[in-house]
Amino acid sequence: MSDSLLRVESLNCYFAGLRAVAELSFDVQPGEIKAVIGPNGAGKSTLFNMIAGVTRPTSGEIWFDGSRIDNLPTFRRARLGIARTFQNLQIFREMTVLENVMVGRHMQGQSSVMGALLYTPALRAENRAMTETALDLLARFELDTKAQVLAGDLSFGQMKVLELARALASKPRLLLLDEPAAGLPQAEAEHIGQIITALNRDGMTVLLVEHNMRMVMSLSHDILVLNNGLRIAEGDADHVRRHPDVLAAYLGDAEYA
C-alpha cells in the first residue's frame, strides 16, 4: 500500500455520456502542496467534488490514508480529515465571523443529541473549547477584531480568509483549496499565498486548484496538469512550465515558458 495521504486510481467521471475526468491517477504525499491546473472545463472542479464526496465517480478509486473513501458520504470524509474551500464563496453571510468558524469546528464535535438537548457539562466544555479554537484561528488570520461582525459585511478578501479559517477549524489533514486567490488583487492574492505557505510549513497537506500561475509556480512542490479531463503533465514547476503539451493547452508562451 502506498504511503501517500491521498491516492486517486483510474478515476473516471461522465455526465450524460460526456467525459469530465478520464483514467486519472495521482498521489498527494503528506506535507506536500500539490497544484491542479488546466483551462476551464479541464475537470478540476469535478475532481475536487469527487474527492470531497459531492460527486460520485463513474469508476475508479479514491484512497485517503490507506482507506478507500469513494463510497463514503461527505461528512464521513470530513471527519477523516478532508476539508475544502470553494471557488464561489460558501460562507454564511447572516452569521457572525466567529459563528462561521465555529460551524467548521462543530464537524469534529463529540456530544450526543441527548447531550445537546440537556446542555450537559460536557457539551458546555466542548463549546468553550470550540470557541477558543475559533478565536485562535481568527487571531492567526487577523480577523479577531471582526469576530462579532456579520460575515456579509467583510471585504471580499476577508471573506476568502474567513472561508479558509473555517475549513481549518475542523483540524483537517488534507486541505482542498479551490481557487483561493480568484477575484483578488495581486497584493491580497500574495497574502493568501503567504497563509498557505505558513500552513504547509506547519505540516498541512494541500491540494490546490488555482488559475493564478504566479501563486502556483511559487508555492507548489508538484503540479498536475489536466486538459479535457485527461492528465497531460505532472511534475515540479520547472518541468511543467516547459512541457510542450502544457504550453499548447494552457500556458502559451507566457512568462512561465
Protein backbone atom coordinates (compact mmCIF):
# COMPACT_ATOMS: atom_id res chain seq x y z
CA MET A 1 0.00 0.00 0.00
CA SER A 2 1.30 3.47 -0.87
CA ASP A 3 2.37 5.80 1.94
CA SER A 4 0.66 8.73 0.19
CA LEU A 5 -2.01 10.65 2.09
CA LEU A 6 -4.32 10.81 -0.94
CA ARG A 7 -4.30 8.36 -3.82
CA VAL A 8 -6.52 8.50 -6.89
CA GLU A 9 -6.61 5.42 -9.13
CA SER A 10 -8.10 5.23 -12.64
CA LEU A 11 -10.77 7.79 -11.82
CA ASN A 12 -13.49 8.38 -14.42
CA CYS A 13 -16.49 10.67 -14.37
CA TYR A 14 -19.02 11.10 -17.15
CA PHE A 15 -22.09 13.34 -17.25
CA ALA A 16 -24.73 12.28 -19.78
CA GLY A 17 -22.03 10.49 -21.72
CA LEU A 18 -19.68 13.48 -21.74
CA ARG A 19 -16.22 12.97 -20.28
CA ALA A 20 -15.30 15.18 -17.32
CA VAL A 21 -12.39 13.12 -15.97
CA ALA A 22 -10.85 10.05 -17.62
CA GLU A 23 -8.44 7.42 -16.27
CA LEU A 24 -6.89 9.84 -13.81
CA SER A 25 -4.33 8.55 -11.31
CA PHE A 26 -2.08 10.53 -8.98
CA ASP A 27 -0.83 10.76 -5.39
CA VAL A 28 -0.53 13.50 -2.82
CA GLN A 29 2.25 12.96 -0.30
CA PRO A 30 1.99 14.07 3.36
CA GLY A 31 3.25 17.61 3.83
CA GLU A 32 3.06 18.43 0.12
CA ILE A 33 1.44 21.30 -1.75
CA LYS A 34 0.18 19.81 -4.98
CA ALA A 35 -1.49 22.06 -7.54
CA VAL A 36 -4.02 21.03 -10.18
CA ILE A 37 -4.14 23.36 -13.15
CA GLY A 38 -5.71 23.42 -16.58
CA PRO A 39 -8.03 25.52 -18.74
CA ASN A 40 -11.71 25.95 -17.96
CA GLY A 41 -13.51 22.65 -18.46
CA ALA A 42 -10.37 20.61 -17.78
CA GLY A 43 -12.06 18.65 -14.97
CA LYS A 44 -10.54 20.37 -11.93
CA SER A 45 -13.77 21.16 -10.09
CA THR A 46 -15.18 17.71 -10.89
CA LEU A 47 -12.03 16.16 -9.42
CA PHE A 48 -12.41 18.20 -6.21
CA ASN A 49 -16.08 17.27 -5.96
CA MET A 50 -15.24 13.58 -6.28
CA ILE A 51 -12.57 13.78 -3.58
CA ALA A 52 -14.86 15.71 -1.23
CA GLY A 53 -17.82 13.39 -1.88
CA VAL A 54 -20.15 15.78 -3.71
CA THR A 55 -19.90 13.85 -6.99
CA ARG A 56 -19.80 10.06 -7.33
CA PRO A 57 -17.14 8.75 -9.76
CA THR A 58 -18.35 6.70 -12.69
CA SER A 59 -15.50 4.32 -11.92
CA GLY A 60 -12.14 4.28 -10.19
CA GLU A 61 -10.97 4.55 -6.59
CA ILE A 62 -10.07 7.26 -4.09
CA TRP A 63 -7.92 6.36 -1.08
CA PHE A 64 -7.19 8.53 1.96
CA ASP A 65 -4.51 7.48 4.44
CA GLY A 66 -4.74 3.87 3.28
CA SER A 67 -8.55 3.61 3.38
CA ARG A 68 -10.85 3.67 0.38
CA ILE A 69 -13.27 6.60 0.63
CA ASP A 70 -15.05 6.94 -2.74
CA ASN A 71 -18.19 5.33 -1.32
CA LEU A 72 -18.27 7.43 1.86
CA PRO A 73 -20.62 10.42 2.29
CA THR A 74 -19.17 13.91 2.52
CA PHE A 75 -19.48 14.22 6.31
CA ARG A 76 -17.55 10.96 6.84
CA ARG A 77 -14.71 12.24 4.67
CA ALA A 78 -14.71 15.49 6.65
CA ARG A 79 -14.43 13.56 9.89
CA LEU A 80 -11.49 11.62 8.46
CA GLY A 81 -9.70 14.91 7.91
CA ILE A 82 -10.58 16.34 4.49
CA ALA A 83 -11.69 19.98 4.35
CA ARG A 84 -12.24 22.29 1.39
CA THR A 85 -12.90 25.84 0.32
CA PHE A 86 -14.94 26.79 -2.74
CA GLN A 87 -14.34 28.82 -5.86
CA ASN A 88 -17.66 30.58 -5.16
CA LEU A 89 -17.68 31.64 -1.52
CA GLN A 90 -19.81 29.41 0.70
CA ILE A 91 -19.84 31.48 3.90
CA PHE A 92 -22.94 32.20 6.00
CA ARG A 93 -23.35 35.93 5.46
CA GLU A 94 -26.04 36.41 8.13
CA MET A 95 -23.90 34.75 10.81
CA THR A 96 -21.03 36.41 12.60
CA VAL A 97 -17.42 35.78 11.64
CA LEU A 98 -16.94 33.77 14.84
CA GLU A 99 -20.07 31.68 14.20
CA ASN A 100 -18.86 30.85 10.69
CA VAL A 101 -15.61 29.43 12.04
CA MET A 102 -17.43 27.52 14.78
CA VAL A 103 -19.55 25.81 12.10
CA GLY A 104 -16.33 24.27 10.82
CA ARG A 105 -15.27 23.23 14.31
CA HIS A 106 -18.62 21.54 15.00
CA MET A 107 -17.74 18.98 12.30
CA GLN A 108 -15.49 17.37 14.90
CA GLY A 109 -17.86 17.71 17.86
CA GLN A 110 -18.36 14.64 20.05
CA SER A 111 -21.50 15.43 22.07
CA SER A 112 -24.62 13.31 21.55
CA VAL A 113 -28.06 14.57 20.57
CA MET A 114 -29.25 13.97 24.16
CA GLY A 115 -26.29 15.93 25.46
CA ALA A 116 -27.25 18.81 23.20
CA LEU A 117 -30.88 18.72 24.36
CA LEU A 118 -29.88 18.72 28.05
CA TYR A 119 -26.94 21.10 27.52
CA THR A 120 -24.74 18.89 29.68
CA PRO A 121 -21.47 19.99 31.30
CA ALA A 122 -19.62 18.01 28.64
CA LEU A 123 -21.37 19.98 25.90
CA ARG A 124 -20.66 23.29 27.65
CA ALA A 125 -16.98 22.39 27.95
CA GLU A 126 -16.90 21.35 24.30
CA ASN A 127 -18.48 24.64 23.22
CA ARG A 128 -15.94 26.62 25.26
CA ALA A 129 -13.11 24.70 23.62
CA MET A 130 -14.61 25.26 20.16
CA THR A 131 -14.95 28.98 20.82
CA GLU A 132 -11.33 29.21 21.95
CA THR A 133 -10.16 27.33 18.85
CA ALA A 134 -12.21 29.60 16.59
CA LEU A 135 -10.89 32.76 18.26
CA ASP A 136 -7.31 31.49 17.97
CA LEU A 137 -7.81 30.93 14.24
CA LEU A 138 -9.30 34.39 13.78
CA ALA A 139 -6.35 35.92 15.62
CA ARG A 140 -3.93 33.97 13.45
CA PHE A 141 -5.53 35.40 10.31
CA GLU A 142 -6.01 38.91 11.75
CA LEU A 143 -9.78 38.64 11.85
CA ASP A 144 -10.17 38.57 15.65
CA THR A 145 -11.34 42.21 15.74
CA LYS A 146 -14.14 41.18 13.34
CA ALA A 147 -15.33 38.21 15.42
CA GLN A 148 -18.80 39.68 16.14
CA VAL A 149 -19.21 41.32 12.73
CA LEU A 150 -21.64 39.75 10.26
CA ALA A 151 -19.66 37.80 7.69
CA GLY A 152 -21.54 39.53 4.88
CA ASP A 153 -20.06 42.86 5.98
CA LEU A 154 -16.47 41.75 5.39
CA SER A 155 -14.50 42.72 2.32
CA PHE A 156 -14.21 40.08 -0.40
CA GLY A 157 -10.60 39.37 0.55
CA GLN A 158 -11.55 38.96 4.21
CA MET A 159 -14.32 36.57 3.22
CA LYS A 160 -11.72 34.45 1.40
CA VAL A 161 -9.59 34.33 4.56
CA LEU A 162 -12.66 33.54 6.67
CA GLU A 163 -13.56 30.56 4.50
CA LEU A 164 -10.02 29.27 4.86
CA ALA A 165 -10.20 29.72 8.66
CA ARG A 166 -13.50 27.84 8.77
CA ALA A 167 -12.01 24.93 6.81
CA LEU A 168 -9.07 24.80 9.23
CA ALA A 169 -11.40 24.79 12.24
CA SER A 170 -12.19 21.13 11.53
CA LYS A 171 -8.48 20.36 12.03
CA PRO A 172 -8.05 18.68 8.63
CA ARG A 173 -5.12 16.61 7.46
CA LEU A 174 -5.79 17.45 3.81
CA LEU A 175 -6.93 20.90 2.70
CA LEU A 176 -8.60 21.22 -0.71
CA LEU A 177 -8.32 24.84 -1.87
CA ASP A 178 -10.47 25.71 -4.88
CA GLU A 179 -9.14 28.94 -6.41
CA PRO A 180 -8.39 30.74 -3.11
CA ALA A 181 -6.97 33.76 -4.98
CA ALA A 182 -9.80 34.11 -7.53
CA GLY A 183 -11.01 37.69 -7.84
CA LEU A 184 -8.34 39.13 -5.56
CA PRO A 185 -5.89 41.90 -6.46
CA GLN A 186 -2.25 40.83 -6.51
CA ALA A 187 -1.44 42.09 -3.00
CA GLU A 188 -4.30 40.13 -1.42
CA ALA A 189 -3.50 37.06 -3.54
CA GLU A 190 0.05 37.22 -2.20
CA HIS A 191 -1.34 37.39 1.34
CA ILE A 192 -3.35 34.22 0.71
CA GLY A 193 -0.20 32.61 -0.67
CA GLN A 194 1.69 33.53 2.49
CA ILE A 195 -1.04 31.94 4.61
CA ILE A 196 -0.88 28.72 2.57
CA THR A 197 2.92 28.65 2.85
CA ALA A 198 2.74 29.09 6.62
CA LEU A 199 0.14 26.33 6.96
CA ASN A 200 2.28 23.99 4.89
CA ARG A 201 5.35 24.87 6.95
CA ASP A 202 3.36 23.71 9.99
CA GLY A 203 2.69 20.37 8.27
CA MET A 204 -0.58 20.89 6.40
CA THR A 205 -1.01 18.92 3.17
CA VAL A 206 -2.66 20.99 0.44
CA LEU A 207 -4.31 20.15 -2.88
CA LEU A 208 -4.69 23.43 -4.72
CA VAL A 209 -6.73 24.41 -7.78
CA GLU A 210 -5.72 27.88 -8.92
CA HIS A 211 -5.53 29.98 -12.09
CA ASN A 212 -3.02 32.42 -10.60
CA MET A 213 0.12 30.94 -12.15
CA ARG A 214 2.41 33.12 -10.10
CA MET A 215 0.99 31.55 -6.96
CA VAL A 216 1.02 28.02 -8.38
CA MET A 217 4.61 28.17 -9.55
CA SER A 218 5.90 29.71 -6.33
CA LEU A 219 4.02 27.52 -3.82
CA SER A 220 3.73 24.06 -5.32
CA HIS A 221 6.01 21.13 -4.74
CA ASP A 222 4.27 19.23 -7.54
CA ILE A 223 1.83 20.22 -10.29
CA LEU A 224 -0.76 18.10 -12.09
CA VAL A 225 -1.99 19.48 -15.42
CA LEU A 226 -5.39 18.46 -16.82
CA ASN A 227 -6.93 19.14 -20.20
CA ASN A 228 -10.32 17.80 -21.30
CA GLY A 229 -10.36 15.51 -18.28
CA LEU A 230 -7.00 13.92 -19.07
CA ARG A 231 -3.65 14.25 -17.35
CA ILE A 232 -1.22 15.81 -19.82
CA ALA A 233 1.69 16.52 -17.47
CA GLU A 234 2.83 16.15 -13.88
CA GLY A 235 5.97 17.26 -12.09
CA ASP A 236 7.65 20.24 -10.48
CA ALA A 237 7.20 23.82 -11.69
CA ASP A 238 10.29 23.75 -13.88
CA HIS A 239 9.12 20.59 -15.67
CA VAL A 240 5.56 21.82 -16.15
CA ARG A 241 6.38 25.30 -17.41
CA ARG A 242 8.49 23.80 -20.19
CA HIS A 243 6.24 20.87 -21.13
CA PRO A 244 5.09 21.31 -24.77
CA ASP A 245 1.61 19.92 -24.14
CA VAL A 246 1.12 22.35 -21.27
CA LEU A 247 2.29 25.27 -23.36
CA ALA A 248 -0.11 24.30 -26.12
CA ALA A 249 -3.09 23.66 -23.85
CA TYR A 250 -2.81 26.26 -21.15
CA LEU A 251 0.19 28.50 -20.61
CA GLY A 252 1.03 29.51 -24.16
CA ASP A 253 4.25 31.43 -24.48
CA ALA A 254 3.66 33.48 -21.33
CA GLU A 255 6.34 34.42 -18.82
CA TYR A 256 6.28 30.91 -17.33
CA ALA A 257 7.51 29.27 -20.54
